Structures are given as C-alpha cells and as structure tokens.
C-alpha atoms as a PDB file:
ATOM      1  CA  MET A   1     121.951 120.890 124.620  1.00  0.00           C
ATOM      2  CA  GLN A   2     118.490 121.730 125.913  1.00  0.00           C
ATOM      3  CA  ASN A   3     116.947 120.214 122.798  1.00  0.00           C
ATOM      4  CA  GLN A   4     118.973 117.041 123.302  1.00  0.00           C
ATOM      5  CA  LYS A   5     117.686 116.665 126.853  1.00  0.00           C
ATOM      6  CA  LYS A   6     114.122 117.006 125.591  1.00  0.00           C
ATOM      7  CA  LEU A   7     114.721 114.282 123.015  1.00  0.00           C
ATOM      8  CA  GLU A   8     116.349 112.007 125.603  1.00  0.00           C
ATOM      9  CA  ASN A   9     113.279 112.473 127.786  1.00  0.00           C
ATOM     10  CA  LYS A  10     111.102 111.682 124.771  1.00  0.00           C
ATOM     11  CA  ILE A  11     112.893 108.422 123.972  1.00  0.00           C
ATOM     12  CA  LYS A  12     113.398 107.619 127.690  1.00  0.00           C
ATOM     13  CA  ILE A  13     117.109 106.910 127.184  1.00  0.00           C
ATOM     14  CA  LYS A  14     120.155 108.977 128.191  1.00  0.00           C
ATOM     15  CA  PHE A  15     123.067 109.046 125.752  1.00  0.00           C
ATOM     16  CA  LYS A  16     126.572 108.591 127.151  1.00  0.00           C
ATOM     17  CA  ASN A  17     128.081 110.148 124.026  1.00  0.00           C
ATOM     18  CA  LYS A  18     126.056 113.284 123.316  1.00  0.00           C
ATOM     19  CA  LYS A  19     127.958 113.863 120.050  1.00  0.00           C
ATOM     20  CA  LEU A  20     126.431 110.677 118.609  1.00  0.00           C
ATOM     21  CA  LEU A  21     122.953 111.930 119.410  1.00  0.00           C
ATOM     22  CA  SER A  22     123.742 115.309 117.827  1.00  0.00           C
ATOM     23  CA  LEU A  23     125.159 113.689 114.695  1.00  0.00           C
ATOM     24  CA  SER A  24     122.049 111.543 114.250  1.00  0.00           C
ATOM     25  CA  LEU A  25     120.048 114.750 113.866  1.00  0.00           C
ATOM     26  CA  VAL A  26     122.293 116.524 111.328  1.00  0.00           C
ATOM     27  CA  HIS A  27     120.940 116.501 107.769  1.00  0.00           C
ATOM     28  CA  LYS A  28     123.386 116.707 104.849  1.00  0.00           C
ATOM     29  CA  SER A  29     121.899 120.091 103.880  1.00  0.00           C
ATOM     30  CA  PHE A  30     123.557 121.485 107.028  1.00  0.00           C
ATOM     31  CA  ASP A  31     126.902 119.664 106.678  1.00  0.00           C
ATOM     32  CA  LEU A  32     127.896 117.639 103.618  1.00  0.00           C
ATOM     33  CA  LEU A  33     130.647 115.761 105.468  1.00  0.00           C
ATOM     34  CA  LYS A  34     129.480 115.358 109.062  1.00  0.00           C
ATOM     35  CA  ASN A  35     125.847 114.298 108.877  1.00  0.00           C
ATOM     36  CA  ASN A  36     123.539 111.406 109.813  1.00  0.00           C
ATOM     37  CA  GLU A  37     123.753 109.389 106.565  1.00  0.00           C
ATOM     38  CA  LYS A  38     126.160 106.729 107.876  1.00  0.00           C
ATOM     39  CA  LEU A  39     124.186 106.379 111.092  1.00  0.00           C
ATOM     40  CA  GLU A  40     121.038 105.967 109.007  1.00  0.00           C
ATOM     41  CA  PHE A  41     122.785 103.197 107.026  1.00  0.00           C
ATOM     42  CA  LEU A  42     123.670 101.418 110.272  1.00  0.00           C
ATOM     43  CA  GLY A  43     120.273 102.019 111.859  1.00  0.00           C
ATOM     44  CA  ASP A  44     118.481 100.499 108.887  1.00  0.00           C
ATOM     45  CA  ARG A  45     120.451  97.251 109.378  1.00  0.00           C
ATOM     46  CA  VAL A  46     119.959  97.221 113.154  1.00  0.00           C
ATOM     47  CA  LEU A  47     116.219  97.781 112.724  1.00  0.00           C
ATOM     48  CA  GLY A  48     116.062  94.923 110.222  1.00  0.00           C
ATOM     49  CA  LEU A  49     117.956  92.566 112.525  1.00  0.00           C
ATOM     50  CA  VAL A  50     115.823  93.345 115.582  1.00  0.00           C
ATOM     51  CA  LEU A  51     112.512  92.939 113.773  1.00  0.00           C
ATOM     52  CA  SER A  52     113.509  89.870 111.738  1.00  0.00           C
ATOM     53  CA  LYS A  53     114.658  88.225 114.987  1.00  0.00           C
ATOM     54  CA  LYS A  54     111.334  89.130 116.640  1.00  0.00           C
ATOM     55  CA  LEU A  55     109.275  87.733 113.756  1.00  0.00           C
ATOM     56  CA  PHE A  56     111.437  84.595 113.604  1.00  0.00           C
ATOM     57  CA  ASN A  57     110.708  83.900 117.290  1.00  0.00           C
ATOM     58  CA  LEU A  58     107.077  84.988 117.109  1.00  0.00           C
ATOM     59  CA  TYR A  59     106.187  82.742 114.135  1.00  0.00           C
ATOM     60  CA  PRO A  60     108.371  79.599 114.424  1.00  0.00           C
ATOM     61  CA  HIS A  61     106.214  77.572 112.029  1.00  0.00           C
ATOM     62  CA  GLU A  62     105.814  80.188 109.285  1.00  0.00           C
ATOM     63  CA  SER A  63     107.520  79.806 105.898  1.00  0.00           C
ATOM     64  CA  GLU A  64     110.310  82.114 104.740  1.00  0.00           C
ATOM     65  CA  GLY A  65     107.906  83.746 102.268  1.00  0.00           C
ATOM     66  CA  SER A  66     105.372  84.473 104.991  1.00  0.00           C
ATOM     67  CA  LEU A  67     108.029  85.935 107.303  1.00  0.00           C
ATOM     68  CA  ASP A  68     109.341  88.062 104.449  1.00  0.00           C
ATOM     69  CA  LYS A  69     105.889  89.525 103.875  1.00  0.00           C
ATOM     70  CA  LYS A  70     105.421  90.267 107.576  1.00  0.00           C
ATOM     71  CA  PHE A  71     108.906  91.833 107.687  1.00  0.00           C
ATOM     72  CA  ALA A  72     108.095  94.134 104.768  1.00  0.00           C
ATOM     73  CA  SER A  73     104.999  95.333 106.626  1.00  0.00           C
ATOM     74  CA  VAL A  74     107.010  96.489 109.658  1.00  0.00           C
ATOM     75  CA  VAL A  75     110.299  97.640 108.100  1.00  0.00           C
ATOM     76  CA  ASN A  76     109.568 100.381 105.599  1.00  0.00           C
ATOM     77  CA  ARG A  77     109.758 104.148 105.207  1.00  0.00           C
ATOM     78  CA  LYS A  78     106.088 104.654 106.083  1.00  0.00           C
ATOM     79  CA  ILE A  79     106.515 103.080 109.528  1.00  0.00           C
ATOM     80  CA  CYS A  80     109.796 104.915 110.184  1.00  0.00           C
ATOM     81  CA  LEU A  81     108.017 108.154 109.310  1.00  0.00           C
ATOM     82  CA  ARG A  82     105.215 107.348 111.762  1.00  0.00           C
ATOM     83  CA  ILE A  83     107.714 106.613 114.543  1.00  0.00           C
ATOM     84  CA  SER A  84     109.607 109.809 113.714  1.00  0.00           C
ATOM     85  CA  LYS A  85     106.405 111.809 114.136  1.00  0.00           C
ATOM     86  CA  ILE A  86     105.611 110.078 117.427  1.00  0.00           C
ATOM     87  CA  LEU A  87     109.060 111.149 118.678  1.00  0.00           C
ATOM     88  CA  GLU A  88     108.567 114.616 117.107  1.00  0.00           C
ATOM     89  CA  LEU A  89     112.014 114.428 115.513  1.00  0.00           C
ATOM     90  CA  GLU A  90     111.183 117.383 113.261  1.00  0.00           C
ATOM     91  CA  LYS A  91     111.656 119.609 116.326  1.00  0.00           C
ATOM     92  CA  PHE A  92     115.214 118.390 116.850  1.00  0.00           C
ATOM     93  CA  LEU A  93     116.616 118.059 113.308  1.00  0.00           C
ATOM     94  CA  ILE A  94     119.555 120.250 112.306  1.00  0.00           C
ATOM     95  CA  LEU A  95     118.867 121.433 108.744  1.00  0.00           C
ATOM     96  CA  GLY A  96     120.469 123.755 106.203  1.00  0.00           C
ATOM     97  CA  ASN A  97     118.892 127.136 105.395  1.00  0.00           C
ATOM     98  CA  THR A  98     117.052 125.776 102.343  1.00  0.00           C
ATOM     99  CA  TYR A  99     115.116 123.305 104.464  1.00  0.00           C
ATOM    100  CA  LYS A 100     114.628 125.648 107.424  1.00  0.00           C
ATOM    101  CA  LYS A 101     112.440 127.857 105.227  1.00  0.00           C
ATOM    102  CA  LYS A 102     110.106 124.993 104.372  1.00  0.00           C
ATOM    103  CA  ILE A 103     106.872 124.725 106.326  1.00  0.00           C
ATOM    104  CA  LYS A 104     106.856 120.917 106.127  1.00  0.00           C
ATOM    105  CA  ILE A 105     109.970 118.743 106.331  1.00  0.00           C
ATOM    106  CA  GLU A 106     110.123 116.023 103.670  1.00  0.00           C
ATOM    107  CA  ASP A 107     108.930 112.578 104.737  1.00  0.00           C
ATOM    108  CA  LYS A 108     112.199 110.950 103.634  1.00  0.00           C
ATOM    109  CA  ILE A 109     114.262 113.216 105.891  1.00  0.00           C
ATOM    110  CA  LEU A 110     112.114 112.312 108.888  1.00  0.00           C
ATOM    111  CA  ALA A 111     112.154 108.580 108.134  1.00  0.00           C
ATOM    112  CA  ASP A 112     115.940 108.638 107.654  1.00  0.00           C
ATOM    113  CA  ALA A 113     116.383 110.509 110.934  1.00  0.00           C
ATOM    114  CA  CYS A 114     114.487 107.754 112.735  1.00  0.00           C
ATOM    115  CA  GLU A 115     116.945 105.158 111.404  1.00  0.00           C
ATOM    116  CA  ALA A 116     119.921 107.416 112.189  1.00  0.00           C
ATOM    117  CA  LEU A 117     118.736 107.715 115.789  1.00  0.00           C
ATOM    118  CA  ILE A 118     118.560 103.903 115.987  1.00  0.00           C
ATOM    119  CA  GLY A 119     122.102 103.659 114.613  1.00  0.00           C
ATOM    120  CA  ALA A 120     123.383 106.180 117.165  1.00  0.00           C
ATOM    121  CA  LEU A 121     121.584 104.409 119.991  1.00  0.00           C
ATOM    122  CA  TYR A 122     123.118 101.079 118.980  1.00  0.00           C
ATOM    123  CA  LEU A 123     126.651 102.532 118.999  1.00  0.00           C
ATOM    124  CA  ASP A 124     126.068 104.328 122.285  1.00  0.00           C
ATOM    125  CA  SER A 125     124.180 101.724 124.320  1.00  0.00           C
ATOM    126  CA  GLY A 126     124.525  98.360 122.582  1.00  0.00           C
ATOM    127  CA  PHE A 127     122.131  95.839 121.124  1.00  0.00           C
ATOM    128  CA  ASN A 128     119.916  95.081 124.142  1.00  0.00           C
ATOM    129  CA  ILE A 129     118.982  98.720 124.735  1.00  0.00           C
ATOM    130  CA  VAL A 130     118.269  99.458 121.073  1.00  0.00           C
ATOM    131  CA  GLU A 131     116.312  96.213 120.763  1.00  0.00           C
ATOM    132  CA  ASN A 132     114.041  97.198 123.666  1.00  0.00           C
ATOM    133  CA  PHE A 133     113.655 100.677 122.181  1.00  0.00           C
ATOM    134  CA  ILE A 134     112.614  99.318 118.768  1.00  0.00           C
ATOM    135  CA  LEU A 135     110.254  96.673 120.142  1.00  0.00           C
ATOM    136  CA  ARG A 136     108.566  99.276 122.355  1.00  0.00           C
ATOM    137  CA  LEU A 137     107.957 101.704 119.493  1.00  0.00           C
ATOM    138  CA  TRP A 138     107.112  99.053 116.894  1.00  0.00           C
ATOM    139  CA  ASN A 139     104.812  97.083 119.210  1.00  0.00           C
ATOM    140  CA  ASP A 140     101.573  98.061 117.443  1.00  0.00           C
ATOM    141  CA  GLU A 141     103.013  97.215 114.022  1.00  0.00           C
ATOM    142  CA  ILE A 142     104.267  93.836 115.239  1.00  0.00           C
ATOM    143  CA  LYS A 143     100.785  92.992 116.561  1.00  0.00           C
ATOM    144  CA  LYS A 144      99.292  93.686 113.120  1.00  0.00           C
ATOM    145  CA  THR A 145     101.487  91.006 111.492  1.00  0.00           C
ATOM    146  CA  VAL A 146      99.209  88.303 112.921  1.00  0.00           C
ATOM    147  CA  LYS A 147      96.638  89.193 110.252  1.00  0.00           C
ATOM    148  CA  ILE A 148      99.072  89.143 107.321  1.00  0.00           C
ATOM    149  CA  GLU A 149      98.719  86.020 105.221  1.00  0.00           C
ATOM    150  CA  ILE A 150     100.830  84.884 102.303  1.00  0.00           C
ATOM    151  CA  ASP A 151      99.020  84.978  98.948  1.00  0.00           C
ATOM    152  CA  SER A 152      98.026  81.765  97.178  1.00  0.00           C
ATOM    153  CA  LYS A 153     100.535  81.996  94.302  1.00  0.00           C
ATOM    154  CA  THR A 154     103.471  82.512  96.653  1.00  0.00           C
ATOM    155  CA  LYS A 155     102.314  79.704  98.941  1.00  0.00           C
ATOM    156  CA  LEU A 156     101.969  77.293  96.017  1.00  0.00           C
ATOM    157  CA  GLN A 157     105.349  78.325  94.615  1.00  0.00           C
ATOM    158  CA  GLU A 158     107.079  77.710  97.944  1.00  0.00           C
ATOM    159  CA  TYR A 159     105.404  74.307  98.311  1.00  0.00           C
ATOM    160  CA  SER A 160     106.320  73.227  94.783  1.00  0.00           C
ATOM    161  CA  LEU A 161     109.943  74.348  95.134  1.00  0.00           C
ATOM    162  CA  LYS A 162     110.302  72.692  98.537  1.00  0.00           C
ATOM    163  CA  TYR A 163     108.944  69.279  97.548  1.00  0.00           C
ATOM    164  CA  PHE A 164     109.553  69.046  93.801  1.00  0.00           C
ATOM    165  CA  LYS A 165     112.308  71.626  93.110  1.00  0.00           C
ATOM    166  CA  LYS A 166     110.121  73.022  90.319  1.00  0.00           C
ATOM    167  CA  LEU A 167     107.884  76.053  89.851  1.00  0.00           C
ATOM    168  CA  PRO A 168     104.131  75.567  89.319  1.00  0.00           C
ATOM    169  CA  THR A 169     103.126  75.526  85.648  1.00  0.00           C
ATOM    170  CA  TYR A 170     100.500  78.105  84.665  1.00  0.00           C
ATOM    171  CA  LYS A 171      98.804  78.163  81.280  1.00  0.00           C
ATOM    172  CA  VAL A 172      96.309  80.657  79.862  1.00  0.00           C
ATOM    173  CA  LEU A 173      93.503  78.590  78.294  1.00  0.00           C
ATOM    174  CA  PHE A 174      91.525  81.496  76.921  1.00  0.00           C
ATOM    175  CA  CYS A 175      90.928  85.220  77.109  1.00  0.00           C
ATOM    176  CA  LYS A 176      87.578  86.414  75.825  1.00  0.00           C
ATOM    177  CA  GLY A 177      85.112  89.247  76.239  1.00  0.00           C
ATOM    178  CA  PRO A 178      85.457  92.998  75.553  1.00  0.00           C
ATOM    179  CA  GLN A 179      88.848  94.673  75.968  1.00  0.00           C
ATOM    180  CA  HIS A 180      87.703  96.753  78.934  1.00  0.00           C
ATOM    181  CA  LYS A 181      86.374  93.676  80.718  1.00  0.00           C
ATOM    182  CA  PRO A 182      88.170  90.506  79.599  1.00  0.00           C
ATOM    183  CA  SER A 183      87.696  87.057  81.089  1.00  0.00           C
ATOM    184  CA  TYR A 184      90.761  84.850  81.582  1.00  0.00           C
ATOM    185  CA  LYS A 185      90.775  81.132  82.276  1.00  0.00           C
ATOM    186  CA  VAL A 186      94.069  79.787  83.594  1.00  0.00           C
ATOM    187  CA  SER A 187      95.206  76.314  84.558  1.00  0.00           C
ATOM    188  CA  VAL A 188      97.927  75.370  87.036  1.00  0.00           C
ATOM    189  CA  LYS A 189      99.608  72.134  87.996  1.00  0.00           C
ATOM    190  CA  ILE A 190     102.568  71.074  90.109  1.00  0.00           C
ATOM    191  CA  HIS A 191     104.734  68.025  89.461  1.00  0.00           C
ATOM    192  CA  ASP A 192     102.358  65.243  88.382  1.00  0.00           C
ATOM    193  CA  SER A 193      99.150  66.718  89.811  1.00  0.00           C
ATOM    194  CA  LYS A 194      96.028  67.171  87.755  1.00  0.00           C
ATOM    195  CA  SER A 195      95.261  70.655  86.430  1.00  0.00           C
ATOM    196  CA  PHE A 196      93.269  73.140  88.468  1.00  0.00           C
ATOM    197  CA  TYR A 197      91.526  76.183  87.032  1.00  0.00           C
ATOM    198  CA  GLY A 198      90.837  79.803  87.813  1.00  0.00           C
ATOM    199  CA  ILE A 199      88.711  82.414  86.039  1.00  0.00           C
ATOM    200  CA  ALA A 200      88.962  86.178  86.558  1.00  0.00           C
ATOM    201  CA  ASN A 201      89.111  89.551  84.793  1.00  0.00           C
ATOM    202  CA  SER A 202      92.923  89.556  84.734  1.00  0.00           C
ATOM    203  CA  LYS A 203      95.578  86.919  84.118  1.00  0.00           C
ATOM    204  CA  ASN A 204      97.143  87.489  87.535  1.00  0.00           C
ATOM    205  CA  ALA A 205      93.825  87.191  89.385  1.00  0.00           C
ATOM    206  CA  ALA A 206      92.962  84.016  87.439  1.00  0.00           C
ATOM    207  CA  GLU A 207      96.346  82.538  88.430  1.00  0.00           C
ATOM    208  CA  HIS A 208      95.664  83.357  92.079  1.00  0.00           C
ATOM    209  CA  ASN A 209      92.253  81.687  91.858  1.00  0.00           C
ATOM    210  CA  ALA A 210      93.757  78.592  90.249  1.00  0.00           C
ATOM    211  CA  ALA A 211      96.497  78.452  92.894  1.00  0.00           C
ATOM    212  CA  SER A 212      93.907  78.828  95.639  1.00  0.00           C
ATOM    213  CA  ASN A 213      91.917  75.889  94.211  1.00  0.00           C
ATOM    214  CA  ILE A 214      94.900  73.547  94.089  1.00  0.00           C
ATOM    215  CA  ILE A 215      95.920  74.581  97.617  1.00  0.00           C
ATOM    216  CA  LYS A 216      92.449  73.722  98.944  1.00  0.00           C
ATOM    217  CA  ASP A 217      92.312  70.397  97.102  1.00  0.00           C
ATOM    218  CA  LEU A 218      95.806  69.264  98.180  1.00  0.00           C
ATOM    219  CA  LYS A 219      95.288  70.716 101.682  1.00  0.00           C
ATOM    220  CA  ILE A 220      98.544  72.662 101.505  1.00  0.00           C
ATOM    221  CA  LYS A 221      99.255  74.468 104.778  1.00  0.00           C
END
C-alpha cells in the first residue's frame, strides 16, 4: 500500500479502485492469470486514441501519411520505456522470482507496464483524466512532431492516388559502376506528366531524388 501511495504521488492522481492500480503493476511472471497484460492491451489503444486525436487537431491541414508518420514517432515502445523510467515504474512492479534476481528489468516489461498503467487509469478515472495524464507526459514528444516531414516518395504517392487513382511509375534506366559503389538512374512520372529523373548510389535513394524533383516542378504541397 505504501508503494502505491508513492506511485500515486508520482503520477499526481489518486486511484479510486486501488486493485486496478495494483493489477497494472503485476507481471505475468508473478501470476499467470491475474496480471497486467489485458490492461496493457487496453492502455495501448487508449494511448493511440489520445495521441491520434491530438495530432489530428494540431495539424488540420496535414495528409493522412504525414499524420501517420508523426503518430509513429510518439506511439512506440521506446517512448513508453522513457515515460516508464520517468515514473520510475521499475520500483513498483510486482515480478516473479526469476525477474527479481535480475539487476536490470527488461525494456519490454517497463514499456508494457506504462501502457497497463494507462489502461488502469482509463478504467478508474475516465477518458478526460487519462487524456490529461498522457498529454502531460508526452508533451515533449508531441512538440518534436513539428519537425517531422513526410518523405518525397510517400508525398508523391499520396498526391498521385488522390488525384489520379494511380501509383507513380518508377523505372530504372541504368545501374553502372563497381558493385560496392553503383550508380542508379531512375525516372518517375505520374498520370500524363513528363518523366523526371534521379541519380544516387541505391535504387531507393534515386527514386527519392526523382520524386523530389517532380514535387518541386509541379509545386506539390
């Protein structure tokens, strides 16, 4: 109980149902039946909803592809692990004997515990409270999404599908030079546009260059 109070002070929220908070901290190594896996499943979805809603409102003029890229940068195991360490969840986790002996708790366990806590908080306090909790802890990550830009190939693909219902057409014109340092020339066109070209040391990079050139010429936003 003392540990729970410390965690509540850490997250600045008091749980009405203390059993939910306890369950969010139980790893399956301690109890195969009553553990935090289902809460983690729920928390993952709640986290996704809160942050997708935030990005949707924050970037009303962005394309779906751009929002998807920004979303991936804020909803992932690495960020959940960072938040877990900020909250020092490793001090509160209930683990089986095998894990208790380990000096360092696995990253996945900590990241999952973060999502389980979110799931428990949602069930205990509702959407508004958990939304404020997530936005407070994810604030720095959300700010970083301003700098994330969609790559040229994805941008061109979205444009072509939106206006012409067709994918861009890429064609490798040549590949020459030594095997360790080849040179690719690729062309790309959309619908009835002229061909644009890109040259690079890999096919993918040449395609990106070609896509970038057509985007600049057609002034695609």
